[in-house]
N, C-alpha and C. Protein backbone atom coordinates (compact mmCIF):
# COMPACT_ATOMS: atom_id res chain seq x y z
N MET A 1 44.23 12.01 -30.95
CA MET A 1 44.85 13.08 -31.65
C MET A 1 44.68 12.97 -33.16
N PHE A 2 44.77 11.76 -33.66
CA PHE A 2 44.64 11.55 -35.10
C PHE A 2 43.27 10.97 -35.40
N ILE A 3 42.19 11.65 -34.99
CA ILE A 3 40.84 11.17 -35.22
C ILE A 3 40.35 11.72 -36.54
N SER A 4 39.75 10.85 -37.30
CA SER A 4 39.23 11.25 -38.60
C SER A 4 38.00 12.12 -38.41
N PRO A 5 37.81 13.19 -39.19
CA PRO A 5 36.62 14.03 -39.08
C PRO A 5 35.33 13.26 -39.38
N ALA A 6 35.38 12.18 -40.10
CA ALA A 6 34.19 11.40 -40.43
C ALA A 6 33.61 10.75 -39.18
N TYR A 7 34.45 10.26 -38.27
CA TYR A 7 33.95 9.63 -37.05
C TYR A 7 33.27 10.65 -36.14
N ALA A 8 33.80 11.80 -36.05
CA ALA A 8 33.21 12.84 -35.21
C ALA A 8 31.87 13.28 -35.76
N GLN A 9 31.72 13.32 -37.06
CA GLN A 9 30.45 13.73 -37.65
C GLN A 9 29.38 12.66 -37.46
N THR A 10 29.68 11.40 -37.54
CA THR A 10 28.67 10.36 -37.38
C THR A 10 28.19 10.27 -35.93
N ALA A 11 29.04 10.53 -34.98
CA ALA A 11 28.62 10.47 -33.58
C ALA A 11 27.62 11.57 -33.28
N GLY A 12 27.79 12.75 -33.79
CA GLY A 12 26.86 13.85 -33.56
C GLY A 12 25.57 13.67 -34.33
N GLY A 13 25.63 13.08 -35.49
CA GLY A 13 24.44 12.88 -36.31
C GLY A 13 23.51 11.84 -35.72
N ALA A 14 24.05 10.82 -35.04
CA ALA A 14 23.21 9.78 -34.45
C ALA A 14 22.41 10.33 -33.27
N ALA A 15 22.95 11.27 -32.55
CA ALA A 15 22.25 11.83 -31.39
C ALA A 15 21.11 12.74 -31.80
N GLU A 16 21.19 13.34 -32.96
CA GLU A 16 20.16 14.28 -33.39
C GLU A 16 18.92 13.59 -33.94
N SER A 17 19.03 12.38 -34.44
CA SER A 17 17.87 11.71 -35.05
C SER A 17 17.13 10.89 -34.00
N GLY A 18 16.67 11.50 -32.93
CA GLY A 18 16.12 10.75 -31.81
C GLY A 18 14.62 10.77 -31.68
N GLY A 19 13.82 11.32 -32.55
CA GLY A 19 12.38 11.44 -32.38
C GLY A 19 11.69 10.14 -32.04
N LEU A 20 11.54 9.26 -32.99
CA LEU A 20 10.84 8.00 -32.78
C LEU A 20 11.70 7.02 -31.99
N ALA A 21 13.00 7.06 -32.18
CA ALA A 21 13.89 6.13 -31.48
C ALA A 21 13.86 6.38 -29.97
N SER A 22 13.82 7.62 -29.54
CA SER A 22 13.78 7.89 -28.11
C SER A 22 12.43 7.50 -27.52
N LEU A 23 11.36 7.62 -28.29
CA LEU A 23 10.05 7.20 -27.82
C LEU A 23 10.00 5.69 -27.66
N ILE A 24 10.58 4.96 -28.58
CA ILE A 24 10.60 3.51 -28.50
C ILE A 24 11.48 3.05 -27.34
N SER A 25 12.57 3.73 -27.09
CA SER A 25 13.42 3.35 -25.96
C SER A 25 12.78 3.71 -24.62
N PHE A 26 11.84 4.62 -24.59
CA PHE A 26 11.13 5.01 -23.38
C PHE A 26 9.94 4.09 -23.09
N ALA A 27 9.46 3.37 -24.10
CA ALA A 27 8.27 2.52 -23.97
C ALA A 27 8.43 1.42 -22.91
N PRO A 28 9.56 0.69 -22.82
CA PRO A 28 9.67 -0.34 -21.77
C PRO A 28 9.55 0.23 -20.36
N LEU A 29 10.09 1.41 -20.14
CA LEU A 29 9.99 2.04 -18.83
C LEU A 29 8.53 2.38 -18.51
N LEU A 30 7.82 2.87 -19.48
CA LEU A 30 6.40 3.17 -19.30
C LEU A 30 5.60 1.90 -19.06
N LEU A 31 5.91 0.84 -19.78
CA LEU A 31 5.22 -0.44 -19.59
C LEU A 31 5.47 -1.00 -18.19
N ILE A 32 6.68 -0.89 -17.70
CA ILE A 32 6.99 -1.37 -16.35
C ILE A 32 6.19 -0.58 -15.31
N PHE A 33 6.07 0.72 -15.49
CA PHE A 33 5.30 1.53 -14.54
C PHE A 33 3.82 1.13 -14.56
N VAL A 34 3.25 0.89 -15.73
CA VAL A 34 1.84 0.50 -15.83
C VAL A 34 1.60 -0.85 -15.14
N VAL A 35 2.48 -1.81 -15.38
CA VAL A 35 2.35 -3.12 -14.73
C VAL A 35 2.51 -2.98 -13.22
N PHE A 36 3.48 -2.19 -12.79
CA PHE A 36 3.70 -1.95 -11.37
C PHE A 36 2.45 -1.34 -10.72
N TYR A 37 1.81 -0.41 -11.40
CA TYR A 37 0.60 0.23 -10.87
C TYR A 37 -0.51 -0.79 -10.67
N PHE A 38 -0.78 -1.61 -11.70
CA PHE A 38 -1.90 -2.54 -11.61
C PHE A 38 -1.62 -3.73 -10.70
N LEU A 39 -0.38 -4.12 -10.52
CA LEU A 39 -0.08 -5.27 -9.68
C LEU A 39 0.22 -4.92 -8.23
N MET A 40 0.67 -3.68 -7.97
CA MET A 40 1.05 -3.36 -6.59
C MET A 40 0.33 -2.16 -6.00
N ILE A 41 0.29 -1.06 -6.70
CA ILE A 41 -0.25 0.17 -6.11
C ILE A 41 -1.77 0.09 -5.97
N ARG A 42 -2.46 -0.30 -7.02
CA ARG A 42 -3.93 -0.32 -6.99
C ARG A 42 -4.48 -1.30 -5.95
N PRO A 43 -3.98 -2.55 -5.86
CA PRO A 43 -4.50 -3.44 -4.81
C PRO A 43 -4.22 -2.92 -3.40
N GLN A 44 -3.07 -2.29 -3.19
CA GLN A 44 -2.76 -1.75 -1.87
C GLN A 44 -3.72 -0.62 -1.51
N GLN A 45 -4.07 0.21 -2.48
CA GLN A 45 -5.02 1.29 -2.22
C GLN A 45 -6.39 0.73 -1.84
N SER A 46 -6.83 -0.33 -2.50
CA SER A 46 -8.13 -0.91 -2.17
C SER A 46 -8.09 -1.57 -0.79
N ARG A 47 -6.97 -2.20 -0.42
CA ARG A 47 -6.85 -2.77 0.91
C ARG A 47 -6.89 -1.69 1.99
N MET A 48 -6.23 -0.57 1.72
CA MET A 48 -6.23 0.53 2.69
C MET A 48 -7.63 1.13 2.85
N LYS A 49 -8.37 1.25 1.74
CA LYS A 49 -9.74 1.76 1.84
C LYS A 49 -10.61 0.82 2.66
N ALA A 50 -10.45 -0.49 2.46
CA ALA A 50 -11.24 -1.46 3.21
C ALA A 50 -10.88 -1.42 4.69
N LEU A 51 -9.60 -1.27 5.01
CA LEU A 51 -9.18 -1.19 6.41
C LEU A 51 -9.70 0.09 7.06
N GLN A 52 -9.64 1.21 6.36
CA GLN A 52 -10.16 2.46 6.92
C GLN A 52 -11.66 2.37 7.17
N ALA A 53 -12.39 1.71 6.27
CA ALA A 53 -13.83 1.53 6.47
C ALA A 53 -14.10 0.63 7.67
N ALA A 54 -13.30 -0.42 7.84
CA ALA A 54 -13.48 -1.32 8.98
C ALA A 54 -13.16 -0.60 10.29
N ILE A 55 -12.13 0.22 10.30
CA ILE A 55 -11.77 0.97 11.51
C ILE A 55 -12.86 1.98 11.85
N ALA A 56 -13.40 2.63 10.84
CA ALA A 56 -14.47 3.61 11.09
C ALA A 56 -15.73 2.92 11.60
N GLY A 57 -15.95 1.67 11.22
CA GLY A 57 -17.16 0.96 11.61
C GLY A 57 -16.96 -0.01 12.76
N VAL A 58 -15.85 0.11 13.50
CA VAL A 58 -15.62 -0.80 14.61
C VAL A 58 -16.69 -0.59 15.68
N LYS A 59 -17.15 -1.71 16.26
CA LYS A 59 -18.21 -1.63 17.27
C LYS A 59 -17.91 -2.61 18.40
N LYS A 60 -18.72 -2.56 19.41
CA LYS A 60 -18.54 -3.41 20.59
C LYS A 60 -18.59 -4.88 20.18
N ASN A 61 -17.77 -5.70 20.82
CA ASN A 61 -17.63 -7.15 20.62
C ASN A 61 -16.89 -7.55 19.34
N ASP A 62 -16.33 -6.60 18.60
CA ASP A 62 -15.50 -6.95 17.44
C ASP A 62 -14.14 -7.43 17.93
N GLN A 63 -13.58 -8.38 17.22
CA GLN A 63 -12.22 -8.82 17.49
C GLN A 63 -11.28 -7.89 16.72
N VAL A 64 -10.23 -7.40 17.38
CA VAL A 64 -9.28 -6.50 16.73
C VAL A 64 -7.86 -6.98 16.99
N VAL A 65 -6.98 -6.61 16.05
CA VAL A 65 -5.55 -6.83 16.20
C VAL A 65 -4.90 -5.46 16.00
N THR A 66 -4.06 -5.06 16.93
CA THR A 66 -3.38 -3.78 16.81
C THR A 66 -2.10 -3.95 15.99
N ALA A 67 -1.50 -2.84 15.62
CA ALA A 67 -0.25 -2.87 14.86
C ALA A 67 0.87 -3.47 15.70
N GLY A 68 0.76 -3.42 17.00
CA GLY A 68 1.74 -4.01 17.89
C GLY A 68 1.53 -5.49 18.13
N GLY A 69 0.45 -6.04 17.60
CA GLY A 69 0.19 -7.46 17.73
C GLY A 69 -0.72 -7.85 18.88
N ILE A 70 -1.33 -6.90 19.54
CA ILE A 70 -2.25 -7.20 20.63
C ILE A 70 -3.60 -7.60 20.06
N VAL A 71 -4.10 -8.73 20.51
CA VAL A 71 -5.38 -9.26 20.04
C VAL A 71 -6.37 -9.14 21.19
N GLY A 72 -7.57 -8.68 20.88
CA GLY A 72 -8.57 -8.56 21.93
C GLY A 72 -9.95 -8.28 21.38
N ARG A 73 -10.88 -8.09 22.31
CA ARG A 73 -12.28 -7.83 21.97
C ARG A 73 -12.64 -6.42 22.40
N VAL A 74 -13.32 -5.70 21.53
CA VAL A 74 -13.68 -4.31 21.80
C VAL A 74 -14.79 -4.27 22.83
N THR A 75 -14.60 -3.46 23.87
CA THR A 75 -15.62 -3.30 24.90
C THR A 75 -16.24 -1.91 24.88
N LYS A 76 -15.52 -0.93 24.33
CA LYS A 76 -16.02 0.43 24.31
C LYS A 76 -15.39 1.17 23.13
N VAL A 77 -16.21 1.94 22.41
CA VAL A 77 -15.71 2.70 21.27
C VAL A 77 -15.90 4.17 21.55
N GLU A 78 -14.83 4.94 21.44
CA GLU A 78 -14.87 6.39 21.59
C GLU A 78 -14.52 7.01 20.25
N ASP A 79 -14.36 8.31 20.26
CA ASP A 79 -14.07 9.03 19.03
C ASP A 79 -12.75 8.59 18.38
N ALA A 80 -11.66 8.69 19.10
CA ALA A 80 -10.35 8.35 18.56
C ALA A 80 -9.73 7.13 19.25
N PHE A 81 -10.39 6.61 20.28
CA PHE A 81 -9.86 5.49 21.04
C PHE A 81 -10.84 4.33 21.06
N VAL A 82 -10.30 3.15 21.33
CA VAL A 82 -11.11 1.94 21.49
C VAL A 82 -10.60 1.25 22.74
N GLU A 83 -11.52 0.79 23.57
CA GLU A 83 -11.13 0.03 24.74
C GLU A 83 -11.19 -1.44 24.37
N VAL A 84 -10.06 -2.15 24.57
CA VAL A 84 -9.94 -3.54 24.14
C VAL A 84 -9.69 -4.41 25.36
N GLU A 85 -10.45 -5.49 25.47
CA GLU A 85 -10.25 -6.45 26.55
C GLU A 85 -9.32 -7.54 26.03
N ILE A 86 -8.12 -7.62 26.64
CA ILE A 86 -7.14 -8.58 26.16
C ILE A 86 -7.11 -9.85 27.01
N ALA A 87 -7.67 -9.79 28.19
CA ALA A 87 -7.82 -10.95 29.08
C ALA A 87 -9.00 -10.66 29.98
N ALA A 88 -9.37 -11.63 30.80
CA ALA A 88 -10.49 -11.43 31.71
C ALA A 88 -10.18 -10.27 32.65
N ASN A 89 -11.04 -9.26 32.64
CA ASN A 89 -10.92 -8.06 33.47
C ASN A 89 -9.62 -7.28 33.22
N THR A 90 -9.08 -7.38 32.04
CA THR A 90 -7.89 -6.61 31.67
C THR A 90 -8.22 -5.83 30.41
N ARG A 91 -8.35 -4.53 30.55
CA ARG A 91 -8.74 -3.68 29.42
C ARG A 91 -7.68 -2.62 29.19
N ILE A 92 -7.46 -2.31 27.93
CA ILE A 92 -6.52 -1.26 27.56
C ILE A 92 -7.19 -0.34 26.56
N ARG A 93 -6.74 0.92 26.56
CA ARG A 93 -7.24 1.88 25.56
C ARG A 93 -6.24 1.92 24.42
N VAL A 94 -6.74 1.83 23.20
CA VAL A 94 -5.91 1.79 22.01
C VAL A 94 -6.39 2.88 21.06
N VAL A 95 -5.46 3.54 20.41
CA VAL A 95 -5.81 4.53 19.39
C VAL A 95 -6.38 3.79 18.18
N LYS A 96 -7.49 4.27 17.64
CA LYS A 96 -8.14 3.60 16.51
C LYS A 96 -7.21 3.46 15.31
N ALA A 97 -6.36 4.45 15.10
CA ALA A 97 -5.48 4.42 13.93
C ALA A 97 -4.46 3.30 13.98
N THR A 98 -4.23 2.71 15.16
CA THR A 98 -3.25 1.63 15.27
C THR A 98 -3.87 0.26 15.05
N LEU A 99 -5.14 0.18 14.77
CA LEU A 99 -5.76 -1.12 14.50
C LEU A 99 -5.32 -1.62 13.14
N ALA A 100 -4.89 -2.87 13.10
CA ALA A 100 -4.40 -3.46 11.86
C ALA A 100 -5.44 -4.39 11.23
N GLU A 101 -6.36 -4.91 12.05
CA GLU A 101 -7.38 -5.83 11.55
C GLU A 101 -8.60 -5.76 12.44
N VAL A 102 -9.76 -5.79 11.83
CA VAL A 102 -11.02 -5.78 12.56
C VAL A 102 -11.87 -6.92 12.04
N THR A 103 -12.34 -7.78 12.96
CA THR A 103 -13.17 -8.92 12.58
C THR A 103 -14.41 -8.92 13.45
N SER A 104 -15.56 -8.97 12.83
CA SER A 104 -16.78 -9.04 13.62
C SER A 104 -16.92 -10.46 14.17
N PRO A 105 -17.57 -10.62 15.32
CA PRO A 105 -17.60 -11.93 15.98
C PRO A 105 -18.34 -13.01 15.19
N ASN A 106 -19.26 -12.64 14.33
CA ASN A 106 -20.03 -13.64 13.59
C ASN A 106 -19.47 -13.94 12.22
N SER A 107 -18.38 -13.27 11.82
CA SER A 107 -17.79 -13.54 10.51
C SER A 107 -16.60 -14.47 10.65
N LYS A 108 -16.35 -15.19 9.57
CA LYS A 108 -15.23 -16.12 9.55
C LYS A 108 -13.93 -15.35 9.25
N PRO A 109 -12.83 -15.59 9.97
CA PRO A 109 -11.59 -14.86 9.70
C PRO A 109 -11.06 -15.17 8.30
N ALA A 110 -10.48 -14.15 7.67
CA ALA A 110 -9.95 -14.32 6.32
C ALA A 110 -8.56 -14.94 6.39
N ASN A 111 -8.33 -15.92 5.53
CA ASN A 111 -7.02 -16.57 5.43
C ASN A 111 -6.35 -16.10 4.18
N ASP A 112 -5.34 -15.23 4.31
CA ASP A 112 -4.63 -14.69 3.13
C ASP A 112 -3.45 -15.53 2.80
């Protein structure tokens, strides 16, 4: 109730002088986004491109792992499906999009 007019004027004046100050206060947020992009988003995009290329190039006798964790050897490749042998004389049809890893039989498995 007994507020001095000088205090009210200084509070409003500080909010109006925001040109460079607001840009400087926005800089850390921008820096965090740039670091986040280069450390997380970009590597994930390259991994997804590599996985999509491997799925598109899957062929007979490749070792595959499905998203459900089934490991097997490809016996037949169709347009949208892959036939995977998970045991002797046990074959299942799997949707290509559910493959999580593709390894050719002559390559060494990657250890991440």
